[in-house]
Amino acid sequence: MTPTVLLADDEPLVRTGLRALLEQQGITVVGEAADGSEVLPAVRRTRPDVVLMDVRMPGTDGIEATRQLLAETTEPPKVLVVTTFDNDDYVHEALLAGASGFLLKRARKEEIAHAVRTVATGESLLFPEAIRRLVTARGVRHERYARAAKTLTRREAEVLRLVATGLSNQDIAAALVISLETVKTHVGNIFGKLGAANRSQAVVMAYEAGVVRPGHLAGQ
């Protein structure tokens, strides 16, 4: 799969640089937006697979633009937010809004291309350790997510913990000795019960509900 990308950043030089990096890696850039308010119309025109979204923009920021995409498009693209700091509260809010992952602006071109391809498939969690650090640094327990998490079956909670380690559906099926279709059913049920749009959002919710803890990533 060769994903198509829309670039959303208020800095023209950043957009130019990202376009060059992605095209060097064989990824097609189908459009650009200079503000979050331009993202939804641009997505409707160009139908990208992934939006590479600056999380901090004047006017409409990346968080609100992500919310709009998920609320107002029937088949929204995956959103990959870009930030300067890996402990950015804006990134945390963007993940809860439905972004599939995040990247640092200093990331290497190979990392950027890998991230775009990963979120385009939706099969794996992007940079699980980075998400763990981001969420656990806040130390916040969210009671609404905790109540939703109580509706998970024991097997669904087990699958969710494996999702948090970054395993794909195929890897989870092998680890639990169950079929791939069964894993997909469990993942779909998890999303439905938590109200999550993707793996990253589900994992952030699970950390804040206490279903997934930092030690799970290390197999503790």
Foldseek 3Di string as FASTA:
>chain_A
DAFEEEEEALDPVLVVVLCVLQVVVVHHYQYYHNALVCVVVVCVVRVTQEYAAAQDHPDHGLQVSLLCQVVPDPDGHAYEYEEQDLLDVSQLSSLLSAHQYYYYSPDDSVLVNVVVVCVSVLFWRPPLVSLQCNLVVVVAADVVLLVLVVPQDPVLLVLLLVRSLTDGLVRSCVVVVHDSVVSVVSVVVLCVSNVHPGSSNSNSSCCNNVSHHPVSNVVD
